[in-house]
């Protein structure tokens, strides 16, 4: 199953390697698209923790993962959790991409909806 992929990835790399985070994030996206947010949530959280440890709190990969995690919470009606995550992602993206970048505009659209 899918969890075997994470185990294989972790056995080849350090458990806190950014490639493990990338794999976790990609699997979370897959689970979320299949409607299994319960499986997606811990994978997003793990990816976020790895990216923050590896790259620091203001890296674009952190922002992307924050956005995915925020959207998952917002879709579940957890605005009190999702909005602050999305606001943090917006700050990171604006600083690195500028206010007119499509990713920044997309986050603003979600926040304003």
Protein backbone atom coordinates (compact mmCIF):
# COMPACT_ATOMS: atom_id res chain seq x y z
CA UNK A 1 0.00 0.00 0.00
CA UNK A 2 0.85 3.69 -0.04
CA UNK A 3 2.32 3.68 3.47
CA UNK A 4 4.92 1.21 2.24
CA UNK A 5 6.24 3.92 -0.08
CA UNK A 6 6.95 6.16 2.90
CA UNK A 7 8.72 3.33 4.70
CA UNK A 8 10.90 2.63 1.68
CA UNK A 9 11.67 6.32 1.26
CA UNK A 10 12.63 6.65 4.94
CA UNK A 11 14.82 3.57 4.82
CA UNK A 12 16.81 5.07 1.93
CA UNK A 13 17.02 8.58 3.38
CA UNK A 14 17.12 10.20 6.77
CA UNK A 15 13.63 10.47 8.25
CA UNK A 16 13.85 14.27 8.25
CA UNK A 17 15.15 14.60 4.69
CA UNK A 18 13.19 17.00 2.45
CA UNK A 19 12.54 14.14 -0.02
CA UNK A 20 10.61 12.38 2.73
CA UNK A 21 8.60 15.59 3.21
CA UNK A 22 7.96 15.75 -0.53
CA UNK A 23 6.74 12.15 -0.52
CA UNK A 24 4.51 12.79 2.49
CA UNK A 25 3.06 15.89 0.86
CA UNK A 26 2.40 14.12 -2.44
CA UNK A 27 0.71 11.24 -0.66
CA UNK A 28 -1.38 13.68 1.36
CA UNK A 29 -2.54 15.29 -1.86
CA UNK A 30 -3.50 11.87 -3.20
CA UNK A 31 -5.41 10.94 -0.04
CA UNK A 32 -7.16 14.30 -0.01
CA UNK A 33 -8.21 13.94 -3.65
CA UNK A 34 -9.63 10.53 -2.79
CA UNK A 35 -11.65 12.11 0.01
CA UNK A 36 -9.59 10.65 2.84
CA UNK A 37 -8.64 13.77 4.77
CA UNK A 38 -7.98 11.69 7.89
CA UNK A 39 -5.02 10.05 6.18
CA UNK A 40 -3.92 13.30 4.51
CA UNK A 41 -3.76 15.46 7.62
CA UNK A 42 -0.88 13.73 9.46
CA UNK A 43 1.10 13.49 6.23
CA UNK A 44 0.76 17.24 5.60
CA UNK A 45 1.73 17.92 9.21
CA UNK A 46 4.78 15.70 8.95
CA UNK A 47 5.86 17.31 5.67
CA UNK A 48 5.48 20.75 7.23
CA UNK A 49 7.60 19.82 10.24
CA UNK A 50 10.35 18.39 8.04
CA UNK A 51 10.40 21.39 5.69
CA UNK A 52 10.50 23.85 8.60
CA UNK A 53 13.37 21.97 10.22
CA UNK A 54 15.30 21.63 6.97
CA UNK A 55 14.70 25.04 5.40
CA UNK A 56 13.41 27.35 8.13
CA UNK A 57 9.96 28.87 8.61
CA UNK A 58 9.94 31.18 5.56
CA UNK A 59 10.80 28.80 2.72
CA UNK A 60 8.47 28.42 -0.30
CA UNK A 61 8.07 24.67 0.37
CA UNK A 62 6.83 25.58 3.84
CA UNK A 63 4.34 28.00 2.27
CA UNK A 64 3.07 25.40 -0.22
CA UNK A 65 2.55 22.85 2.53
CA UNK A 66 0.87 25.44 4.76
CA UNK A 67 -1.50 26.24 1.90
CA UNK A 68 -2.39 22.59 1.33
CA UNK A 69 -2.88 22.01 5.05
CA UNK A 70 -4.97 25.17 5.39
CA UNK A 71 -7.23 24.24 2.49
CA UNK A 72 -7.80 20.80 4.01
CA UNK A 73 -8.88 22.42 7.29
CA UNK A 74 -11.06 24.96 5.50
CA UNK A 75 -12.76 22.20 3.51
CA UNK A 76 -13.57 20.48 6.81
CA UNK A 77 -15.08 23.70 8.19
CA UNK A 78 -12.17 24.32 10.56
CA UNK A 79 -11.73 27.97 9.65
CA UNK A 80 -10.18 28.78 13.03
CA UNK A 81 -7.28 26.44 12.13
CA UNK A 82 -7.15 26.93 8.36
CA UNK A 83 -7.24 30.72 8.11
CA UNK A 84 -4.14 31.38 10.28
CA UNK A 85 -2.20 28.76 8.30
CA UNK A 86 -3.27 30.38 5.05
CA UNK A 87 -2.38 33.85 6.35
CA UNK A 88 1.08 32.60 7.26
CA UNK A 89 1.48 31.04 3.81
CA UNK A 90 0.43 34.35 2.26
CA UNK A 91 3.11 36.26 4.18
CA UNK A 92 5.81 33.84 3.01
CA UNK A 93 4.62 33.86 -0.60
CA UNK A 94 4.27 37.64 -0.78
CA UNK A 95 7.79 38.09 0.58
CA UNK A 96 9.32 35.64 -1.89
CA UNK A 97 7.11 36.10 -4.97
CA UNK A 98 5.65 39.57 -4.70
CA UNK A 99 2.04 40.69 -4.29
CA UNK A 100 0.96 40.11 -7.90
CA UNK A 101 2.16 36.53 -8.35
CA UNK A 102 -0.66 34.08 -9.25
CA UNK A 103 0.00 31.94 -6.14
CA UNK A 104 -0.32 35.02 -3.92
CA UNK A 105 -3.48 36.14 -5.69
CA UNK A 106 -4.98 32.65 -5.31
CA UNK A 107 -4.35 32.65 -1.56
CA UNK A 108 -5.87 36.11 -1.24
CA UNK A 109 -8.94 34.90 -3.15
CA UNK A 110 -9.42 32.01 -0.74
CA UNK A 111 -8.99 34.29 2.27
CA UNK A 112 -11.52 36.76 0.87
CA UNK A 113 -14.15 34.13 0.10
